[in-house]
PDB file of N, CA and C in Angstrom:
ATOM      1  N   MET A   1      65.506  21.475   8.348  1.00  0.00           N
ATOM      2  CA  MET A   1      65.782  20.883   9.523  1.00  0.00           C
ATOM      3  C   MET A   1      65.191  19.584   9.258  1.00  0.00           C
ATOM      4  N   ARG A   2      64.518  19.098   8.584  1.00  0.00           N
ATOM      5  CA  ARG A   2      64.579  17.797   8.216  1.00  0.00           C
ATOM      6  C   ARG A   2      65.367  17.360   7.785  1.00  0.00           C
ATOM      7  N   ILE A   3      65.883  17.694   6.518  1.00  0.00           N
ATOM      8  CA  ILE A   3      66.695  17.085   5.843  1.00  0.00           C
ATOM      9  C   ILE A   3      68.133  17.086   6.793  1.00  0.00           C
ATOM     10  N   ALA A   4      68.422  17.838   7.550  1.00  0.00           N
ATOM     11  CA  ALA A   4      69.582  17.803   8.598  1.00  0.00           C
ATOM     12  C   ALA A   4      69.267  16.323   9.218  1.00  0.00           C
ATOM     13  N   SER A   5      68.208  16.386   9.737  1.00  0.00           N
ATOM     14  CA  SER A   5      67.913  15.265  10.939  1.00  0.00           C
ATOM     15  C   SER A   5      68.101  13.953   9.729  1.00  0.00           C
ATOM     16  N   GLN A   6      67.206  13.764   8.738  1.00  0.00           N
ATOM     17  CA  GLN A   6      67.770  12.737   7.825  1.00  0.00           C
ATOM     18  C   GLN A   6      69.281  12.267   7.454  1.00  0.00           C
ATOM     19  N   GLY A   7      69.928  13.520   7.427  1.00  0.00           N
ATOM     20  CA  GLY A   7      71.167  13.219   7.204  1.00  0.00           C
ATOM     21  C   GLY A   7      71.833  12.394   8.147  1.00  0.00           C
ATOM     22  N   LYS A   8      71.555  12.980   9.266  1.00  0.00           N
ATOM     23  CA  LYS A   8      72.310  12.388  10.708  1.00  0.00           C
ATOM     24  C   LYS A   8      71.945  11.031  10.774  1.00  0.00           C
ATOM     25  N   VAL A   9      70.492  10.510  10.657  1.00  0.00           N
ATOM     26  CA  VAL A   9      69.910   9.445  10.661  1.00  0.00           C
ATOM     27  C   VAL A   9      70.837   8.420   9.791  1.00  0.00           C
ATOM     28  N   THR A  10      70.885   8.892   8.256  1.00  0.00           N
ATOM     29  CA  THR A  10      71.360   8.017   7.500  1.00  0.00           C
ATOM     30  C   THR A  10      72.664   7.957   7.752  1.00  0.00           C
ATOM     31  N   ILE A  11      73.592   8.982   8.330  1.00  0.00           N
ATOM     32  CA  ILE A  11      75.153   8.965   8.671  1.00  0.00           C
ATOM     33  C   ILE A  11      75.117   7.644   9.587  1.00  0.00           C
ATOM     34  N   SER A  12      74.273   7.708  10.736  1.00  0.00           N
ATOM     35  CA  SER A  12      74.560   6.821  11.651  1.00  0.00           C
ATOM     36  C   SER A  12      74.033   5.440  11.202  1.00  0.00           C
ATOM     37  N   GLN A  13      72.838   5.263  10.529  1.00  0.00           N
ATOM     38  CA  GLN A  13      72.590   4.035  10.210  1.00  0.00           C
ATOM     39  C   GLN A  13      73.673   3.382   9.110  1.00  0.00           C
ATOM     40  N   VAL A  14      74.283   4.370   8.382  1.00  0.00           N
ATOM     41  CA  VAL A  14      75.382   3.389   7.515  1.00  0.00           C
ATOM     42  C   VAL A  14      76.756   3.255   8.392  1.00  0.00           C
ATOM     43  N   PHE A  15      76.859   3.771   9.493  1.00  0.00           N
ATOM     44  CA  PHE A  15      78.121   3.286  10.569  1.00  0.00           C
ATOM     45  C   PHE A  15      77.785   2.444  10.963  1.00  0.00           C
ATOM     46  N   LEU A  16      76.363   2.247  11.541  1.00  0.00           N
ATOM     47  CA  LEU A  16      75.982   0.936  12.291  1.00  0.00           C
ATOM     48  C   LEU A  16      75.910  -0.478  11.692  1.00  0.00           C
ATOM     49  N   SER A  17      75.447  -0.147   9.996  1.00  0.00           N
ATOM     50  CA  SER A  17      75.628  -1.099   9.279  1.00  0.00           C
ATOM     51  C   SER A  17      77.231  -1.341   8.908  1.00  0.00           C
ATOM     52  N   THR A  18      77.944  -0.323   8.571  1.00  0.00           N
ATOM     53  CA  THR A  18      79.214  -0.828   8.471  1.00  0.00           C
ATOM     54  C   THR A  18      80.058  -1.576   9.482  1.00  0.00           C
ATOM     55  N   LEU A  19      79.721  -1.301  10.829  1.00  0.00           N
ATOM     56  CA  LEU A  19      80.036  -1.764  11.758  1.00  0.00           C
ATOM     57  C   LEU A  19      79.678  -3.226  12.198  1.00  0.00           C
ATOM     58  N   CYS A  20      78.266  -3.710  11.693  1.00  0.00           N
ATOM     59  CA  CYS A  20      78.111  -4.475  11.651  1.00  0.00           C
ATOM     60  C   CYS A  20      78.387  -5.591  10.921  1.00  0.00           C
ATOM     61  N   VAL A  21      78.346  -5.044   9.786  1.00  0.00           N
ATOM     62  CA  VAL A  21      79.404  -6.009   8.664  1.00  0.00           C
ATOM     63  C   VAL A  21      80.777  -6.462   9.065  1.00  0.00           C
ATOM     64  N   ALA A  22      81.513  -5.009   9.633  1.00  0.00           N
ATOM     65  CA  ALA A  22      82.882  -5.340   9.985  1.00  0.00           C
ATOM     66  C   ALA A  22      82.978  -6.342  11.091  1.00  0.00           C
ATOM     67  N   MET A  23      81.914  -6.681  12.018  1.00  0.00           N
ATOM     68  CA  MET A  23      82.256  -7.358  12.995  1.00  0.00           C
ATOM     69  C   MET A  23      81.937  -8.734  12.442  1.00  0.00           C
ATOM     70  N   ILE A  24      81.203  -8.972  11.635  1.00  0.00           N
ATOM     71  CA  ILE A  24      80.471 -10.070  10.973  1.00  0.00           C
ATOM     72  C   ILE A  24      81.531 -10.887  10.529  1.00  0.00           C
ATOM     73  N   SER A  25      82.365  -9.933   9.636  1.00  0.00           N
ATOM     74  CA  SER A  25      83.574 -10.364   8.490  1.00  0.00           C
ATOM     75  C   SER A  25      84.874 -10.768   9.697  1.00  0.00           C
ATOM     76  N   ILE A  26      84.971  -9.845  10.676  1.00  0.00           N
ATOM     77  CA  ILE A  26      85.928 -10.429  11.717  1.00  0.00           C
ATOM     78  C   ILE A  26      85.718 -11.942  12.289  1.00  0.00           C
ATOM     79  N   ILE A  27      84.527 -12.092  12.764  1.00  0.00           N
ATOM     80  CA  ILE A  27      84.112 -13.599  13.163  1.00  0.00           C
ATOM     81  C   ILE A  27      84.222 -14.379  12.236  1.00  0.00           C
ATOM     82  N   ASN A  28      83.728 -14.096  11.112  1.00  0.00           N
ATOM     83  CA  ASN A  28      83.820 -15.283   9.848  1.00  0.00           C
ATOM     84  C   ASN A  28      85.591 -15.521   9.563  1.00  0.00           C
ATOM     85  N   MET A  29      86.588 -14.328  10.078  1.00  0.00           N
ATOM     86  CA  MET A  29      88.083 -14.576   9.751  1.00  0.00           C
ATOM     87  C   MET A  29      88.174 -15.678  10.942  1.00  0.00           C
ATOM     88  N   PHE A  30      87.779 -15.082  11.915  1.00  0.00           N
ATOM     89  CA  PHE A  30      88.298 -15.739  13.386  1.00  0.00           C
ATOM     90  C   PHE A  30      88.456 -17.369  13.301  1.00  0.00           C
ATOM     91  N   CYS A  31      87.000 -17.404  12.749  1.00  0.00           N
ATOM     92  CA  CYS A  31      86.282 -19.134  12.862  1.00  0.00           C
ATOM     93  C   CYS A  31      86.802 -19.686  11.429  1.00  0.00           C
ATOM     94  N   PHE A  32      87.286 -19.200  10.597  1.00  0.00           N
ATOM     95  CA  PHE A  32      87.915 -19.696   9.100  1.00  0.00           C
ATOM     96  C   PHE A  32      89.423 -19.880   9.893  1.00  0.00           C
ATOM     97  N   ILE A  33      90.018 -19.100  10.580  1.00  0.00           N
ATOM     98  CA  ILE A  33      91.180 -19.539  11.017  1.00  0.00           C
ATOM     99  C   ILE A  33      91.209 -20.760  12.375  1.00  0.00           C
ATOM    100  N   GLY A  34      90.208 -20.075  12.993  1.00  0.00           N
ATOM    101  CA  GLY A  34      90.142 -21.539  14.069  1.00  0.00           C
ATOM    102  C   GLY A  34      89.831 -22.997  13.308  1.00  0.00           C
ATOM    103  N   SER A  35      89.267 -22.807  12.186  1.00  0.00           N
ATOM    104  CA  SER A  35      88.776 -24.200  11.439  1.00  0.00           C
ATOM    105  C   SER A  35      90.011 -24.783  10.646  1.00  0.00           C
ATOM    106  N   MET A  36      90.586 -23.910  10.224  1.00  0.00           N
ATOM    107  CA  MET A  36      92.409 -24.168   9.945  1.00  0.00           C
ATOM    108  C   MET A  36      93.161 -25.053  10.529  1.00  0.00           C
ATOM    109  N   ASN A  37      93.422 -24.291  11.839  1.00  0.00           N
ATOM    110  CA  ASN A  37      94.201 -24.420  12.944  1.00  0.00           C
ATOM    111  C   ASN A  37      93.647 -25.934  13.066  1.00  0.00           C
ATOM    112  N   GLN A  38      92.362 -26.061  13.201  1.00  0.00           N
ATOM    113  CA  GLN A  38      91.714 -27.240  13.987  1.00  0.00           C
ATOM    114  C   GLN A  38      92.201 -28.486  12.819  1.00  0.00           C
ATOM    115  N   SER A  39      92.009 -28.198  11.629  1.00  0.00           N
ATOM    116  CA  SER A  39      92.144 -29.120  10.300  1.00  0.00           C
ATOM    117  C   SER A  39      93.754 -29.553  10.492  1.00  0.00           C
ATOM    118  N   THR A  40      94.563 -28.706  10.519  1.00  0.00           N
ATOM    119  CA  THR A  40      96.167 -28.745   9.991  1.00  0.00           C
ATOM    120  C   THR A  40      96.452 -29.676  11.712  1.00  0.00           C
ATOM    121  N   ALA A  41      96.016 -29.335  12.883  1.00  0.00           N
ATOM    122  CA  ALA A  41      96.505 -30.003  13.900  1.00  0.00           C
ATOM    123  C   ALA A  41      95.901 -31.494  13.853  1.00  0.00           C
ATOM    124  N   TRP A  42      94.414 -31.558  13.415  1.00  0.00           N
ATOM    125  CA  TRP A  42      94.300 -32.941  13.043  1.00  0.00           C
ATOM    126  C   TRP A  42      94.935 -33.887  12.160  1.00  0.00           C
ATOM    127  N   ILE A  43      95.402 -33.127  10.941  1.00  0.00           N
ATOM    128  CA  ILE A  43      96.621 -33.572   9.993  1.00  0.00           C
ATOM    129  C   ILE A  43      97.600 -34.069  10.539  1.00  0.00           C
ATOM    130  N   ASP A  44      98.114 -33.398  11.635  1.00  0.00           N
ATOM    131  CA  ASP A  44      99.730 -33.703  12.051  1.00  0.00           C
ATOM    132  C   ASP A  44      99.694 -34.498  12.891  1.00  0.00           C
ATOM    133  N   ARG A  45      98.180 -34.848  13.721  1.00  0.00           N
ATOM    134  CA  ARG A  45      98.565 -36.132  14.553  1.00  0.00           C
ATOM    135  C   ARG A  45      98.413 -37.233  13.772  1.00  0.00           C
TER     136      ARG A  45
END
């Protein structure tokens, strides 16, 4: 029982950590794209 519960906990922890990393990477990507668009628009002016 303990092993099964630990397995479930580790799976949930891995899932949550992966989800957090994915969200952070997506946010960084959007920020990078936004900064690129702002810089290009500023250069076009």
